[in-house]
C-alpha atoms as a PDB file:
ATOM      1  CA  MET A   1     -32.562 -23.339  17.528  1.00  0.00           C
ATOM      2  CA  ILE A   2     -32.256 -22.768  13.783  1.00  0.00           C
ATOM      3  CA  THR A   3     -33.060 -25.180  10.990  1.00  0.00           C
ATOM      4  CA  LEU A   4     -30.849 -24.770   7.976  1.00  0.00           C
ATOM      5  CA  GLU A   5     -31.307 -26.126   4.472  1.00  0.00           C
ATOM      6  CA  LEU A   6     -28.147 -26.379   2.394  1.00  0.00           C
ATOM      7  CA  GLU A   7     -27.456 -27.354  -1.185  1.00  0.00           C
ATOM      8  CA  PRO A   8     -26.236 -30.965  -1.341  1.00  0.00           C
ATOM      9  CA  GLN A   9     -22.728 -29.977  -2.440  1.00  0.00           C
ATOM     10  CA  LEU A  10     -22.353 -27.494   0.438  1.00  0.00           C
ATOM     11  CA  GLU A  11     -23.783 -29.977   2.925  1.00  0.00           C
ATOM     12  CA  HIS A  12     -21.272 -32.607   1.779  1.00  0.00           C
ATOM     13  CA  TYR A  13     -18.443 -30.091   2.126  1.00  0.00           C
ATOM     14  CA  LEU A  14     -19.675 -29.179   5.605  1.00  0.00           C
ATOM     15  CA  GLN A  15     -19.819 -32.829   6.679  1.00  0.00           C
ATOM     16  CA  ASN A  16     -16.315 -33.580   5.391  1.00  0.00           C
ATOM     17  CA  THR A  17     -14.815 -30.453   6.942  1.00  0.00           C
ATOM     18  CA  ALA A  18     -16.419 -31.090  10.337  1.00  0.00           C
ATOM     19  CA  LEU A  19     -15.207 -34.702  10.236  1.00  0.00           C
ATOM     20  CA  MET A  20     -11.691 -33.599   9.308  1.00  0.00           C
ATOM     21  CA  LEU A  21     -11.647 -31.044  12.162  1.00  0.00           C
ATOM     22  CA  GLY A  22     -13.125 -33.498  14.646  1.00  0.00           C
ATOM     23  CA  ILE A  23     -16.086 -31.285  15.547  1.00  0.00           C
ATOM     24  CA  THR A  24     -19.802 -31.488  14.927  1.00  0.00           C
ATOM     25  CA  GLU A  25     -21.437 -29.815  11.960  1.00  0.00           C
ATOM     26  CA  SER A  26     -23.315 -27.582  14.391  1.00  0.00           C
ATOM     27  CA  GLU A  27     -20.041 -26.445  15.999  1.00  0.00           C
ATOM     28  CA  LEU A  28     -18.518 -25.707  12.593  1.00  0.00           C
ATOM     29  CA  ILE A  29     -21.542 -23.669  11.522  1.00  0.00           C
ATOM     30  CA  SER A  30     -21.593 -21.789  14.825  1.00  0.00           C
ATOM     31  CA  LYS A  31     -17.861 -20.977  14.712  1.00  0.00           C
ATOM     32  CA  SER A  32     -18.023 -19.981  11.048  1.00  0.00           C
ATOM     33  CA  LEU A  33     -21.011 -17.740  11.572  1.00  0.00           C
ATOM     34  CA  SER A  34     -19.444 -16.122  14.630  1.00  0.00           C
ATOM     35  CA  GLU A  35     -16.211 -15.379  12.767  1.00  0.00           C
ATOM     36  CA  TYR A  36     -18.112 -13.985   9.785  1.00  0.00           C
ATOM     37  CA  LEU A  37     -20.225 -11.688  11.957  1.00  0.00           C
ATOM     38  CA  ASN A  38     -17.142 -10.449  13.838  1.00  0.00           C
ATOM     39  CA  LYS A  39     -15.499  -9.508  10.552  1.00  0.00           C
ATOM     40  CA  LEU A  40     -18.583  -7.523   9.567  1.00  0.00           C
ATOM     41  CA  THR A  41     -18.514  -5.461  12.753  1.00  0.00           C
ATOM     42  CA  LYS A  42     -14.761  -4.741  12.797  1.00  0.00           C
ATOM     43  CA  SER A  43     -13.825  -1.281  11.650  1.00  0.00           C
ATOM     44  CA  SER A  44     -11.556  -0.736   8.700  1.00  0.00           C
ATOM     45  CA  PRO A  45      -8.201   1.023   9.191  1.00  0.00           C
ATOM     46  CA  TRP A  46      -9.813   4.148   7.708  1.00  0.00           C
ATOM     47  CA  GLU A  47     -12.666   4.053  10.219  1.00  0.00           C
ATOM     48  CA  LEU A  48     -10.237   3.599  13.115  1.00  0.00           C
ATOM     49  CA  GLY A  49      -8.077   6.587  12.193  1.00  0.00           C
ATOM     50  CA  LYS A  50     -10.418   8.941  10.360  1.00  0.00           C
ATOM     51  CA  ASN A  51     -10.493  11.418  13.256  1.00  0.00           C
ATOM     52  CA  ASP A  52      -6.711  11.710  13.212  1.00  0.00           C
ATOM     53  CA  PHE A  53      -6.108  11.880   9.454  1.00  0.00           C
ATOM     54  CA  GLY A  54      -5.285  15.425   8.431  1.00  0.00           C
ATOM     55  CA  LYS A  55      -5.358  16.560  12.033  1.00  0.00           C
ATOM     56  CA  TYR A  56      -2.004  18.265  11.728  1.00  0.00           C
ATOM     57  CA  SER A  57      -2.616  19.572   8.236  1.00  0.00           C
ATOM     58  CA  SER A  58      -0.351  22.235   6.824  1.00  0.00           C
ATOM     59  CA  GLY A  59      -3.248  23.813   5.024  1.00  0.00           C
ATOM     60  CA  GLN A  60      -1.513  23.181   1.703  1.00  0.00           C
ATOM     61  CA  GLY A  61      -3.476  21.018  -0.691  1.00  0.00           C
ATOM     62  CA  ASN A  62      -0.599  20.480  -3.086  1.00  0.00           C
ATOM     63  CA  LEU A  63       1.873  18.572  -0.887  1.00  0.00           C
ATOM     64  CA  SER A  64       1.538  15.287  -2.730  1.00  0.00           C
ATOM     65  CA  THR A  65       1.573  16.699  -6.241  1.00  0.00           C
ATOM     66  CA  ASP A  66       4.258  19.369  -5.803  1.00  0.00           C
ATOM     67  CA  ARG A  67       6.425  17.601  -3.230  1.00  0.00           C
ATOM     68  CA  LYS A  68       9.627  17.769  -5.289  1.00  0.00           C
ATOM     69  CA  GLN A  69       9.355  21.495  -5.949  1.00  0.00           C
ATOM     70  CA  LEU A  70       8.408  22.239  -2.338  1.00  0.00           C
ATOM     71  CA  LEU A  71      11.323  20.183  -0.992  1.00  0.00           C
ATOM     72  CA  LYS A  72      13.729  21.845  -3.398  1.00  0.00           C
ATOM     73  CA  ALA A  73      12.552  25.292  -2.272  1.00  0.00           C
ATOM     74  CA  LYS A  74      12.979  24.345   1.413  1.00  0.00           C
ATOM     75  CA  ILE A  75      16.531  23.089   0.821  1.00  0.00           C
ATOM     76  CA  GLN A  76      17.466  26.213  -1.109  1.00  0.00           C
ATOM     77  CA  ALA A  77      16.040  28.409   1.654  1.00  0.00           C
ATOM     78  CA  LYS A  78      18.185  26.630   4.251  1.00  0.00           C
ATOM     79  CA  ARG A  79      21.342  27.154   2.175  1.00  0.00           C
ATOM     80  CA  GLN A  80      20.897  30.926   2.056  1.00  0.00           C
END
């Protein structure tokens, strides 16, 4: 069991929200805390894919900056 002291404005907001949702204040706090903690532990898209990013790298570090020139050269090479 946890005792919680809230600022009066937050406590009033909590009471009104719980009443509007038809649940107890304790249920609202528990659900809110659970959702907040789940968000903290979820990985970001970067964390989920970091092992795959760059996995099939061309070895060229200039693909994003020189993409137009590189594409133009590839097209010209195919035409010859």
